[in-house]
Amino acid sequence: MYIFGYCEDDITGTEATSYFYNNIIGMNTIGEDLLPTRIVWKNVACSLIVWFCVFLCVAFGVEVTGKITYVTMGLPIVLLLVFLVRSITLDGSKNGIDQYIGSNYDIFIEQPEVWSKAASQIFFSLGIAFGIMTAYGSHCSRDEPAFLNSCVIAVSNSMFSFVSGFAVFASLGHLAYVEGINDISELNYSGFGLVFGSWPVILGTLPGGEHWIRMLLLMLFFLGIDSAFSFLEAIVAVLEDTAMFKNVDSKILCLGLTVSAWMLSFLYATDAGLVFLDTVDHYINFILILIGFFETFSAGWVYGIEKQIKILGNQVVYSYIAVTFGSIILACAVGFGSASIWTGFATLVSFYSVGMSVVMLQLRKLVSSEVEKWSWKSIAYELLMKNVVQLRDDLSTSVGHIPLVWAFLIKHIIPPVLLILFATLCNAETDEGERVFLRYEGYAFVPYQCLGLSIVLVISGLLLSSVVQPHLYGDIKQSFVTGEANFSVSHATGSYIEATEIGIAEDFEVNSMQSLNPRASVLNSEIA
């Protein structure tokens, strides 16, 4: 909050960015190795105030946080519109917009990991794979139209992000014009610099500009606590469903979680806090895509598998799974190993064709042995779609209509795509041709890469333990696909969304993109 003191007129993007990094974050004291040297106690105090506000908002239930988010989200929307209108009227804005909608699309092939990062960005924006959507869904009534609301959320997220991109790139175009630069890529702004290097400059051109800049900082504060609402409520919802914490007062749970979160924030309150944040943000991409894969794989392939095996047999079912995902894994290994997408694609087609030929022979034996029971159409449906269509029908009893295309996407499209994105992210290389994993941005192995690796290993271990030893989580109450279920699922537009209410989320991490995030009956904001 002490940053409200710096609101001069006619500041430049360089001045604003420098003030943010050096005076607020305190990065002026770290050396070339970027290792932390001190704790910035003013940031510790600010973090304490933020988490205290979060506790007051969440501890008293969803109705209270719902009313609060009308204010905390309303202001950011208004300010974004002001920023958009102002930025597109400034000199040079057209150049920025032209580069926004006419970007270099060759990067999608030259650096395929951007697809993985884009998917992770959407996961961040919507809160997918964090458990947030399950927590929100638990507050919704049974008759909420999950599919409709999920479509609105996903589409609005993309549209809002697209519109906010015009505001950001228009401002960058103006900054380039002021500095006499033709290409905005020559501007030294990235990450948080996009926000603190462009927004204060644009808002400073308005009458009473220093007050608009203060409003910007207040808006970021609101977005930050809204994000914390989401994560805290997700954890509280899980803990309250366990045998250990089911009788513990929710206020006590919230207090314990907020105090723990505040203590963890000391890591980010060092003068190298943004380096820690950047590292964690990078490595969490692996986990988000991996969790998304397991969620969709469970829904599309594991659900009803026992019944499917009983009908078709182990050999057919497991062969089909092995062929589908084995071909993708092999194709990624060959394609990335040879640095040729077409080689990988040829491997995928070849292996899948041979594998499916074997599966077809197995199905042929079943059809021949039980001619009266099976036809090629019925047995193909049993193998390819029956279990996931049954899942759709079971869910529909609680969340309303879900179209058949959802069942197809959740089994045959989303899991393979996420697996490819995960492999692509693992294969990302530095400019020197080395793997980015454990070498991200050239940060020191200790503590940065070790921290990232620890996050990946710990969360992966939890995922693996739930598969190998599911009884470890036996105390957690389950309410999935039953008559009393409050679990709502929708995969509209290829996203895994377990929610039935609409809210707005905003993410300034990379490009000030803004998005929608559901919340029970109220507007909500989320900054990743």
Protein backbone atom coordinates (compact mmCIF):
# COMPACT_ATOMS: atom_id res chain seq x y z
CA MET A 1 0.00 0.00 0.00
CA TYR A 2 2.95 2.30 0.51
CA ILE A 3 3.30 2.33 -3.28
CA PHE A 4 0.43 4.81 -3.42
CA GLY A 5 3.00 7.46 -2.60
CA TYR A 6 4.52 7.46 -6.08
CA CYS A 7 2.04 9.10 -8.44
CA GLU A 8 3.87 11.74 -10.44
CA ASP A 9 2.56 13.31 -13.60
CA ASP A 10 4.23 12.66 -16.97
CA ILE A 11 6.16 9.58 -15.89
CA THR A 12 7.72 7.35 -18.52
CA GLY A 13 7.39 3.60 -18.82
CA THR A 14 11.04 3.14 -17.84
CA GLU A 15 10.59 5.26 -14.72
CA ALA A 16 7.45 3.41 -13.68
CA THR A 17 9.02 -0.02 -14.22
CA SER A 18 12.22 0.96 -12.45
CA TYR A 19 10.28 2.27 -9.46
CA PHE A 20 8.29 -0.96 -9.24
CA TYR A 21 11.29 -3.28 -9.41
CA ASN A 22 13.71 -1.25 -7.28
CA ASN A 23 11.62 0.68 -4.80
CA ILE A 24 8.72 -1.68 -4.26
CA ILE A 25 10.12 -5.16 -4.83
CA GLY A 26 13.58 -4.08 -3.67
CA MET A 27 15.52 -5.79 -6.46
CA ASN A 28 18.18 -3.08 -6.46
CA THR A 29 20.07 -4.99 -3.76
CA ILE A 30 20.42 -8.36 -5.54
CA GLY A 31 23.51 -9.19 -7.58
CA GLU A 32 23.97 -10.72 -10.99
CA ASP A 33 23.34 -14.19 -9.57
CA LEU A 34 19.82 -13.00 -8.61
CA LEU A 35 20.08 -14.71 -5.21
CA PRO A 36 18.06 -13.18 -2.35
CA THR A 37 19.99 -10.98 0.08
CA ARG A 38 17.30 -9.60 2.40
CA ILE A 39 13.66 -9.58 3.37
CA VAL A 40 11.73 -6.46 2.37
CA TRP A 41 9.79 -5.94 5.58
CA LYS A 42 7.39 -3.43 4.05
CA ASN A 43 6.25 -6.16 1.69
CA VAL A 44 5.87 -8.55 4.63
CA ALA A 45 3.61 -6.01 6.31
CA CYS A 46 1.59 -5.54 3.13
CA SER A 47 1.20 -9.30 2.81
CA LEU A 48 -0.05 -9.48 6.39
CA ILE A 49 -2.68 -6.83 5.68
CA VAL A 50 -3.77 -8.64 2.51
CA TRP A 51 -4.15 -12.01 4.19
CA PHE A 52 -5.98 -10.44 7.12
CA CYS A 53 -8.45 -8.93 4.64
CA VAL A 54 -8.82 -12.31 2.95
CA PHE A 55 -9.54 -13.96 6.28
CA LEU A 56 -12.23 -11.42 7.14
CA CYS A 57 -13.87 -11.92 3.76
CA VAL A 58 -13.78 -15.72 3.57
CA ALA A 59 -14.28 -16.72 7.20
CA PHE A 60 -17.88 -15.56 7.26
CA GLY A 61 -19.04 -17.59 4.29
CA VAL A 62 -19.83 -17.33 0.62
CA GLU A 63 -22.61 -14.79 1.04
CA VAL A 64 -20.21 -12.26 2.54
CA THR A 65 -17.49 -12.80 -0.07
CA GLY A 66 -20.18 -12.61 -2.74
CA LYS A 67 -21.21 -9.13 -1.69
CA ILE A 68 -17.60 -8.01 -1.45
CA THR A 69 -16.75 -9.16 -4.96
CA TYR A 70 -19.39 -6.87 -6.44
CA VAL A 71 -17.04 -4.04 -5.46
CA THR A 72 -13.70 -5.77 -5.97
CA MET A 73 -14.63 -6.79 -9.52
CA GLY A 74 -16.75 -3.83 -10.54
CA LEU A 75 -13.89 -1.34 -10.21
CA PRO A 76 -11.41 -3.34 -12.35
CA ILE A 77 -13.95 -3.66 -15.16
CA VAL A 78 -14.59 0.08 -15.19
CA LEU A 79 -10.89 0.89 -15.07
CA LEU A 80 -10.14 -1.52 -17.91
CA LEU A 81 -12.70 0.22 -20.11
CA VAL A 82 -11.16 3.59 -19.25
CA PHE A 83 -7.71 2.25 -20.04
CA LEU A 84 -8.90 0.74 -23.34
CA VAL A 85 -10.60 3.91 -24.54
CA ARG A 86 -7.68 6.09 -23.54
CA SER A 87 -4.97 3.86 -24.99
CA ILE A 88 -6.53 3.53 -28.45
CA THR A 89 -6.79 7.34 -28.77
CA LEU A 90 -3.06 7.97 -28.23
CA ASP A 91 -0.40 8.40 -30.92
CA GLY A 92 1.20 5.14 -32.00
CA SER A 93 -1.61 2.95 -30.70
CA LYS A 94 -2.48 1.77 -34.22
CA ASN A 95 1.01 0.35 -34.67
CA GLY A 96 0.64 -1.65 -31.47
CA ILE A 97 -2.78 -2.98 -32.44
CA ASP A 98 -1.52 -3.95 -35.90
CA GLN A 99 1.25 -6.00 -34.30
CA TYR A 100 -1.26 -7.55 -31.89
CA ILE A 101 -3.58 -8.90 -34.57
CA GLY A 102 -0.82 -9.46 -37.13
CA SER A 103 1.72 -11.22 -34.95
CA ASN A 104 4.46 -13.51 -36.21
CA TYR A 105 2.58 -16.80 -36.36
CA ASP A 106 5.72 -18.73 -37.30
CA ILE A 107 6.50 -18.89 -33.60
CA PHE A 108 3.74 -21.48 -33.21
CA ILE A 109 5.88 -23.92 -35.19
CA GLU A 110 9.36 -22.68 -34.27
CA GLN A 111 8.59 -22.67 -30.54
CA PRO A 112 5.80 -25.23 -30.00
CA GLU A 113 6.04 -24.86 -26.23
CA VAL A 114 4.02 -21.64 -26.57
CA TRP A 115 0.97 -23.88 -27.05
CA SER A 116 1.63 -25.51 -23.68
CA LYS A 117 2.12 -22.15 -22.00
CA ALA A 118 -1.08 -20.84 -23.59
CA ALA A 119 -3.03 -23.82 -22.27
CA SER A 120 -1.54 -23.30 -18.81
CA GLN A 121 -2.52 -19.64 -19.02
CA ILE A 122 -6.14 -20.64 -19.60
CA PHE A 123 -5.90 -23.08 -16.70
CA PHE A 124 -4.68 -20.20 -14.53
CA SER A 125 -7.36 -17.82 -15.73
CA LEU A 126 -10.24 -20.23 -15.18
CA GLY A 127 -8.81 -21.86 -12.07
CA ILE A 128 -8.85 -25.27 -13.75
CA ALA A 129 -6.98 -28.10 -11.98
CA PHE A 130 -6.73 -26.10 -8.74
CA GLY A 131 -9.88 -27.57 -7.18
CA ILE A 132 -11.42 -24.12 -7.21
CA MET A 133 -14.23 -25.06 -9.58
CA THR A 134 -15.22 -28.06 -7.47
CA ALA A 135 -15.48 -25.78 -4.44
CA TYR A 136 -17.62 -23.30 -6.38
CA GLY A 137 -19.81 -26.06 -7.73
CA SER A 138 -20.52 -27.29 -4.21
CA HIS A 139 -22.30 -24.02 -3.48
CA CYS A 140 -24.63 -24.33 -6.46
CA SER A 141 -28.13 -25.74 -6.48
CA ARG A 142 -28.91 -29.03 -8.25
CA ASP A 143 -30.88 -27.43 -11.04
CA GLU A 144 -28.12 -25.07 -12.20
CA PRO A 145 -27.47 -25.53 -15.95
CA ALA A 146 -23.79 -26.49 -15.76
CA PHE A 147 -23.22 -26.83 -19.48
CA LEU A 148 -24.76 -23.46 -20.36
CA ASN A 149 -22.92 -21.61 -17.61
CA SER A 150 -19.64 -23.31 -18.49
CA CYS A 151 -20.02 -22.25 -22.12
CA VAL A 152 -20.62 -18.67 -21.04
CA ILE A 153 -17.59 -18.77 -18.76
CA ALA A 154 -15.24 -20.23 -21.36
CA VAL A 155 -16.38 -18.02 -24.23
CA SER A 156 -16.46 -14.86 -22.10
CA ASN A 157 -12.99 -15.66 -20.82
CA SER A 158 -11.58 -15.74 -24.34
CA MET A 159 -13.50 -12.68 -25.49
CA PHE A 160 -12.51 -10.61 -22.49
CA SER A 161 -8.87 -11.64 -22.91
CA PHE A 162 -9.01 -10.72 -26.59
CA VAL A 163 -10.44 -7.27 -25.87
CA SER A 164 -7.96 -6.56 -23.09
CA GLY A 165 -5.18 -7.42 -25.52
CA PHE A 166 -6.14 -4.37 -27.58
CA ALA A 167 -5.70 -2.18 -24.50
CA VAL A 168 -2.27 -3.60 -23.68
CA PHE A 169 -0.87 -3.53 -27.22
CA ALA A 170 -2.30 -0.09 -27.93
CA SER A 171 -0.46 1.22 -24.88
CA LEU A 172 2.74 -0.51 -25.97
CA GLY A 173 2.34 1.08 -29.40
CA HIS A 174 2.13 4.50 -27.75
CA LEU A 175 5.20 3.82 -25.60
CA ALA A 176 7.12 2.77 -28.70
CA TYR A 177 6.00 5.99 -30.42
CA VAL A 178 7.19 8.09 -27.49
CA GLU A 179 10.59 6.36 -27.45
CA GLY A 180 10.93 6.52 -31.24
CA ILE A 181 10.76 2.75 -31.77
CA ASN A 182 8.97 1.15 -34.71
CA ASP A 183 8.66 -2.39 -33.34
CA ILE A 184 7.12 -2.85 -29.89
CA SER A 185 9.20 -6.02 -29.44
CA GLU A 186 12.15 -3.69 -28.90
CA LEU A 187 10.52 -2.36 -25.75
CA ASN A 188 12.08 -3.86 -22.64
CA TYR A 189 8.78 -4.79 -21.03
CA SER A 190 7.73 -8.28 -20.02
CA GLY A 191 5.84 -9.96 -17.21
CA PHE A 192 4.89 -7.43 -14.55
CA GLY A 193 6.59 -4.73 -16.58
CA LEU A 194 3.66 -4.85 -18.99
CA VAL A 195 1.39 -3.64 -16.21
CA PHE A 196 3.65 -1.30 -14.28
CA GLY A 197 5.40 0.01 -17.36
CA SER A 198 2.36 0.80 -19.48
CA TRP A 199 -0.71 1.39 -17.32
CA PRO A 200 0.72 4.22 -15.15
CA VAL A 201 1.93 6.02 -18.28
CA ILE A 202 -1.44 5.81 -20.04
CA LEU A 203 -3.50 6.67 -16.98
CA GLY A 204 -1.11 9.51 -16.22
CA THR A 205 -2.20 11.24 -19.45
CA LEU A 206 -5.75 11.62 -18.12
CA PRO A 207 -6.85 14.68 -16.14
CA GLY A 208 -6.00 13.97 -12.52
CA GLY A 209 -3.72 11.21 -13.71
CA GLU A 210 -2.11 10.59 -10.33
CA HIS A 211 -5.50 9.63 -8.91
CA TRP A 212 -6.12 7.19 -11.78
CA ILE A 213 -2.77 5.57 -10.99
CA ARG A 214 -3.84 5.19 -7.39
CA MET A 215 -7.03 3.57 -8.64
CA LEU A 216 -4.89 1.17 -10.68
CA LEU A 217 -2.99 0.09 -7.61
CA LEU A 218 -6.22 -0.29 -5.65
CA MET A 219 -7.58 -2.39 -8.50
CA LEU A 220 -4.56 -4.71 -8.35
CA PHE A 221 -5.10 -5.08 -4.63
CA PHE A 222 -8.72 -6.07 -5.22
CA LEU A 223 -7.74 -8.57 -7.89
CA GLY A 224 -5.12 -10.07 -5.60
CA ILE A 225 -7.48 -10.70 -2.68
CA ASP A 226 -10.12 -12.08 -5.05
CA SER A 227 -7.57 -14.61 -6.24
CA ALA A 228 -6.80 -15.53 -2.67
CA PHE A 229 -10.54 -16.01 -2.02
CA SER A 230 -10.60 -18.68 -4.68
CA PHE A 231 -7.62 -20.67 -3.48
CA LEU A 232 -8.59 -20.43 0.17
CA GLU A 233 -12.17 -21.54 -0.43
CA ALA A 234 -10.98 -24.52 -2.48
CA ILE A 235 -8.76 -25.73 0.36
CA VAL A 236 -11.41 -25.09 3.02
CA ALA A 237 -13.99 -27.03 0.99
CA VAL A 238 -11.67 -30.06 0.83
CA LEU A 239 -10.71 -29.94 4.52
CA GLU A 240 -14.31 -29.64 5.63
CA ASP A 241 -15.07 -32.88 3.76
CA THR A 242 -12.42 -34.86 5.65
CA ALA A 243 -12.95 -36.84 8.84
CA MET A 244 -10.17 -34.90 10.56
CA PHE A 245 -11.57 -31.40 10.00
CA LYS A 246 -15.29 -31.93 9.43
CA ASN A 247 -16.16 -30.76 12.97
CA VAL A 248 -13.70 -27.86 13.02
CA ASP A 249 -15.23 -24.39 12.78
CA SER A 250 -14.64 -22.88 9.34
CA LYS A 251 -13.30 -19.67 10.92
CA ILE A 252 -10.56 -21.66 12.65
CA LEU A 253 -9.71 -23.38 9.39
CA CYS A 254 -9.54 -20.05 7.57
CA LEU A 255 -7.35 -18.56 10.28
CA GLY A 256 -4.90 -21.46 10.15
CA LEU A 257 -4.71 -21.34 6.37
CA THR A 258 -4.27 -17.58 6.14
CA VAL A 259 -1.52 -17.57 8.77
CA SER A 260 0.23 -20.40 6.90
CA ALA A 261 -0.14 -18.56 3.60
CA TRP A 262 1.27 -15.38 5.11
CA MET A 263 4.31 -17.24 6.43
CA LEU A 264 4.89 -18.80 3.02
CA SER A 265 4.74 -15.34 1.47
CA PHE A 266 8.03 -14.46 3.18
CA LEU A 267 9.68 -16.21 0.22
CA TYR A 268 8.15 -13.67 -2.14
CA ALA A 269 8.87 -10.77 0.21
CA THR A 270 12.61 -11.06 -0.33
CA ASP A 271 14.39 -8.81 -2.79
CA ALA A 272 14.37 -11.78 -5.18
CA GLY A 273 10.67 -12.42 -4.66
CA LEU A 274 9.76 -11.96 -8.31
CA VAL A 275 12.43 -14.48 -9.33
CA PHE A 276 10.90 -17.03 -6.96
CA LEU A 277 7.47 -16.20 -8.35
CA ASP A 278 8.64 -16.56 -11.94
CA THR A 279 10.23 -19.93 -11.14
CA VAL A 280 7.18 -21.32 -9.37
CA ASP A 281 4.95 -20.00 -12.13
CA HIS A 282 7.00 -21.84 -14.77
CA TYR A 283 7.16 -25.20 -13.01
CA ILE A 284 3.52 -25.15 -12.00
CA ASN A 285 2.72 -25.29 -15.73
CA PHE A 286 3.87 -28.91 -15.76
CA ILE A 287 1.60 -29.78 -12.87
CA LEU A 288 -1.46 -28.02 -14.25
CA ILE A 289 -1.29 -29.84 -17.58
CA LEU A 290 -0.53 -33.15 -15.86
CA ILE A 291 -3.47 -32.80 -13.47
CA GLY A 292 -5.70 -31.79 -16.36
CA PHE A 293 -4.65 -34.92 -18.23
CA PHE A 294 -5.36 -37.21 -15.27
CA GLU A 295 -8.74 -35.57 -14.66
CA THR A 296 -9.89 -35.99 -18.22
CA PHE A 297 -8.31 -39.45 -18.54
CA SER A 298 -10.19 -40.55 -15.43
CA ALA A 299 -13.47 -39.22 -16.76
CA GLY A 300 -13.08 -40.50 -20.31
CA TRP A 301 -11.21 -43.76 -19.84
CA VAL A 302 -11.31 -44.97 -16.23
CA TYR A 303 -14.98 -44.31 -15.52
CA GLY A 304 -16.90 -47.54 -16.05
CA ILE A 305 -13.76 -49.48 -16.98
CA GLU A 306 -14.61 -52.45 -14.74
CA LYS A 307 -17.91 -52.94 -16.52
CA GLN A 308 -16.21 -52.47 -19.87
CA ILE A 309 -13.62 -55.13 -19.02
CA LYS A 310 -16.35 -57.50 -17.90
CA ILE A 311 -18.08 -57.14 -21.27
CA LEU A 312 -15.12 -56.93 -23.67
CA GLY A 313 -12.29 -58.47 -21.66
CA ASN A 314 -8.97 -57.18 -20.33
CA GLN A 315 -7.11 -57.71 -23.58
CA VAL A 316 -9.32 -55.52 -25.74
CA VAL A 317 -9.73 -52.66 -23.25
CA TYR A 318 -6.11 -52.40 -22.19
CA SER A 319 -4.85 -52.85 -25.74
CA TYR A 320 -6.97 -49.95 -26.91
CA ILE A 321 -5.68 -47.70 -24.11
CA ALA A 322 -2.07 -48.74 -24.78
CA VAL A 323 -2.39 -48.11 -28.52
CA THR A 324 -4.03 -44.70 -28.09
CA PHE A 325 -1.61 -43.23 -25.59
CA GLY A 326 1.41 -45.35 -26.44
CA SER A 327 1.35 -44.04 -30.00
CA ILE A 328 1.30 -40.45 -28.74
CA ILE A 329 4.19 -41.01 -26.31
CA LEU A 330 6.26 -42.78 -28.98
CA ALA A 331 5.49 -40.11 -31.58
CA CYS A 332 6.54 -37.32 -29.19
CA ALA A 333 9.77 -39.15 -28.35
CA VAL A 334 10.62 -39.71 -32.02
CA GLY A 335 9.46 -36.30 -33.21
CA PHE A 336 11.27 -34.30 -30.54
CA GLY A 337 14.30 -36.56 -30.72
CA SER A 338 14.67 -36.03 -34.45
CA ALA A 339 13.58 -32.38 -34.28
CA SER A 340 11.04 -33.11 -37.00
CA ILE A 341 7.31 -32.73 -36.49
CA TRP A 342 6.58 -34.72 -39.63
CA THR A 343 8.68 -37.64 -38.44
CA GLY A 344 6.73 -37.69 -35.21
CA PHE A 345 3.45 -37.48 -37.10
CA ALA A 346 4.45 -40.39 -39.35
CA THR A 347 5.36 -42.42 -36.28
CA LEU A 348 2.00 -41.62 -34.71
CA VAL A 349 0.05 -42.71 -37.78
CA SER A 350 2.11 -45.87 -38.29
CA PHE A 351 2.05 -47.08 -34.70
CA TYR A 352 -1.61 -46.24 -34.23
CA SER A 353 -2.59 -47.97 -37.46
CA VAL A 354 -0.72 -51.16 -36.55
CA GLY A 355 -2.01 -51.10 -32.99
CA MET A 356 -5.61 -50.55 -33.99
CA SER A 357 -5.31 -53.41 -36.48
CA VAL A 358 -4.48 -55.68 -33.55
CA VAL A 359 -7.43 -54.29 -31.56
CA MET A 360 -9.72 -54.85 -34.56
CA LEU A 361 -8.61 -58.49 -34.77
CA GLN A 362 -9.48 -58.93 -31.11
CA LEU A 363 -12.90 -57.39 -31.66
CA ARG A 364 -13.43 -59.61 -34.67
CA LYS A 365 -12.97 -62.68 -32.49
CA LEU A 366 -15.63 -61.38 -30.10
CA VAL A 367 -18.07 -60.65 -32.92
CA SER A 368 -17.48 -64.08 -34.46
CA SER A 369 -17.95 -65.89 -31.16
CA GLU A 370 -21.18 -64.08 -30.29
CA VAL A 371 -22.84 -63.23 -33.59
CA GLU A 372 -26.27 -62.77 -32.06
CA LYS A 373 -25.00 -60.34 -29.42
CA TRP A 374 -22.59 -58.17 -31.36
CA SER A 375 -22.46 -56.27 -34.61
CA TRP A 376 -19.47 -54.18 -35.66
CA LYS A 377 -21.43 -51.04 -34.88
CA SER A 378 -22.50 -52.12 -31.40
CA ILE A 379 -19.10 -53.45 -30.33
CA ALA A 380 -17.32 -50.32 -31.63
CA TYR A 381 -19.73 -48.17 -29.66
CA GLU A 382 -19.13 -50.28 -26.56
CA LEU A 383 -15.38 -49.77 -26.82
CA LEU A 384 -15.21 -46.20 -28.08
CA MET A 385 -18.06 -44.35 -26.40
CA LYS A 386 -20.25 -46.41 -24.09
CA ASN A 387 -18.54 -45.64 -20.77
CA VAL A 388 -18.19 -41.91 -21.33
CA VAL A 389 -21.75 -41.60 -22.63
CA GLN A 390 -22.85 -43.33 -19.43
CA LEU A 391 -20.86 -40.75 -17.47
CA ARG A 392 -22.61 -37.99 -19.37
CA ASP A 393 -26.01 -39.52 -18.58
CA ASP A 394 -25.14 -39.94 -14.90
CA LEU A 395 -23.97 -36.34 -14.63
CA SER A 396 -27.04 -35.06 -16.45
CA THR A 397 -29.24 -36.22 -13.59
CA SER A 398 -27.57 -33.62 -11.39
CA VAL A 399 -26.35 -30.84 -13.68
CA GLY A 400 -28.81 -30.87 -16.55
CA HIS A 401 -28.24 -31.31 -20.26
CA ILE A 402 -24.75 -32.19 -21.48
CA PRO A 403 -24.37 -32.64 -25.26
CA LEU A 404 -22.92 -35.76 -26.81
CA VAL A 405 -19.97 -33.79 -28.18
CA TRP A 406 -18.77 -33.36 -24.58
CA ALA A 407 -18.43 -37.12 -24.25
CA PHE A 408 -16.44 -37.32 -27.48
CA LEU A 409 -14.12 -34.46 -26.48
CA ILE A 410 -13.49 -35.78 -22.98
CA LYS A 411 -12.37 -39.16 -24.25
CA HIS A 412 -10.83 -38.77 -27.68
CA ILE A 413 -9.60 -35.17 -27.92
CA ILE A 414 -8.69 -33.53 -24.63
CA PRO A 415 -6.53 -36.24 -22.96
CA PRO A 416 -4.34 -36.82 -26.05
CA VAL A 417 -3.95 -33.08 -26.61
CA LEU A 418 -2.94 -32.47 -22.99
CA LEU A 419 -0.45 -35.33 -23.17
CA ILE A 420 1.12 -33.77 -26.28
CA LEU A 421 1.22 -30.36 -24.60
CA PHE A 422 2.95 -31.88 -21.56
CA ALA A 423 5.56 -33.53 -23.77
CA THR A 424 6.04 -30.28 -25.69
CA LEU A 425 6.64 -28.37 -22.47
CA CYS A 426 9.15 -30.98 -21.29
CA ASN A 427 10.97 -30.66 -24.63
CA ALA A 428 11.30 -26.86 -24.52
CA GLU A 429 14.85 -25.69 -25.15
CA THR A 430 16.91 -22.65 -24.25
CA ASP A 431 18.62 -20.47 -26.85
CA GLU A 432 21.71 -22.64 -26.36
CA GLY A 433 19.79 -25.79 -27.29
CA GLU A 434 19.57 -27.20 -23.76
CA ARG A 435 16.40 -28.38 -22.04
CA VAL A 436 14.65 -25.59 -20.15
CA PHE A 437 13.70 -27.97 -17.35
CA LEU A 438 16.08 -27.31 -14.42
CA ARG A 439 17.66 -24.49 -16.45
CA TYR A 440 14.76 -22.05 -16.61
CA GLU A 441 15.94 -18.51 -17.43
CA GLY A 442 19.44 -19.46 -16.28
CA TYR A 443 18.45 -19.05 -12.63
CA ALA A 444 20.70 -20.69 -10.03
CA PHE A 445 19.99 -24.36 -9.37
CA VAL A 446 19.83 -23.63 -5.65
CA PRO A 447 17.37 -22.33 -4.61
CA TYR A 448 15.31 -21.66 -7.75
CA GLN A 449 15.46 -24.81 -9.87
CA CYS A 450 15.39 -26.95 -6.72
CA LEU A 451 12.21 -25.21 -5.64
CA GLY A 452 10.59 -25.83 -9.00
CA LEU A 453 11.69 -29.47 -9.04
CA SER A 454 10.37 -29.97 -5.51
CA ILE A 455 6.96 -28.66 -6.52
CA VAL A 456 6.79 -31.04 -9.48
CA LEU A 457 7.95 -34.06 -7.44
CA VAL A 458 5.72 -33.44 -4.42
CA ILE A 459 2.52 -32.90 -6.39
CA SER A 460 3.33 -35.75 -8.77
CA GLY A 461 3.91 -37.95 -5.73
CA LEU A 462 0.50 -37.05 -4.36
CA LEU A 463 -1.10 -37.89 -7.69
CA LEU A 464 0.73 -41.20 -7.90
CA SER A 465 -0.13 -42.12 -4.32
CA SER A 466 -3.82 -41.59 -5.01
CA VAL A 467 -3.57 -44.10 -7.85
CA VAL A 468 -1.38 -46.71 -6.14
CA GLN A 469 -2.74 -46.36 -2.60
CA PRO A 470 -6.23 -44.81 -2.85
CA HIS A 471 -7.11 -45.97 0.67
CA LEU A 472 -4.81 -43.21 1.98
CA TYR A 473 -7.56 -40.77 1.02
CA GLY A 474 -10.41 -42.93 2.25
CA ASP A 475 -11.46 -40.44 4.92
CA ILE A 476 -12.40 -37.89 2.29
CA LYS A 477 -16.12 -37.99 1.64
CA GLN A 478 -16.99 -38.77 -1.94
CA SER A 479 -20.06 -37.41 -3.69
CA PHE A 480 -19.51 -38.13 -7.37
CA VAL A 481 -22.26 -39.28 -9.72
CA THR A 482 -24.82 -40.23 -7.09
CA GLY A 483 -28.36 -39.16 -6.47
CA GLU A 484 -27.15 -36.83 -3.74
CA ALA A 485 -24.21 -35.49 -5.74
CA ASN A 486 -23.35 -31.83 -5.73
CA PHE A 487 -20.54 -32.38 -8.20
CA SER A 488 -21.05 -30.59 -11.46
CA VAL A 489 -18.84 -31.12 -14.48
CA SER A 490 -18.68 -29.50 -17.85
CA HIS A 491 -16.09 -29.66 -20.59
CA ALA A 492 -17.50 -27.00 -22.87
CA THR A 493 -15.00 -25.78 -25.47
CA GLY A 494 -12.47 -28.33 -24.32
CA SER A 495 -12.08 -27.03 -20.75
CA TYR A 496 -12.60 -29.01 -17.57
CA ILE A 497 -14.93 -26.78 -15.57
CA GLU A 498 -16.74 -27.92 -12.46
CA ALA A 499 -18.91 -24.93 -11.74
CA THR A 500 -22.25 -23.41 -12.48
CA GLU A 501 -22.01 -19.74 -11.68
CA ILE A 502 -20.43 -16.87 -13.53
CA GLY A 503 -17.73 -14.45 -12.45
CA ILE A 504 -14.89 -12.48 -13.98
CA ALA A 505 -11.20 -13.21 -13.62
CA GLU A 506 -8.22 -11.18 -14.67
CA ASP A 507 -4.62 -12.23 -15.20
CA PHE A 508 -1.86 -9.63 -15.58
CA GLU A 509 1.04 -12.05 -15.40
CA VAL A 510 2.11 -12.12 -19.03
CA ASN A 511 -0.10 -9.89 -21.12
CA SER A 512 -2.68 -8.34 -18.83
CA MET A 513 -5.20 -10.82 -20.21
CA GLN A 514 -8.54 -10.95 -18.48
CA SER A 515 -10.88 -13.83 -18.08
CA LEU A 516 -13.99 -15.21 -16.47
CA ASN A 517 -14.11 -17.40 -13.43
CA PRO A 518 -17.22 -18.88 -11.80
CA ARG A 519 -18.30 -18.09 -8.28
CA ALA A 520 -21.52 -18.88 -6.47
CA SER A 521 -24.00 -16.25 -7.60
CA VAL A 522 -21.52 -13.39 -7.61
CA LEU A 523 -18.87 -11.69 -9.70
CA ASN A 524 -15.37 -12.81 -8.85
CA SER A 525 -11.87 -11.91 -9.99
CA GLU A 526 -8.80 -14.07 -10.22
CA ILE A 527 -5.18 -13.05 -10.89
CA ALA A 528 -2.90 -16.03 -11.53
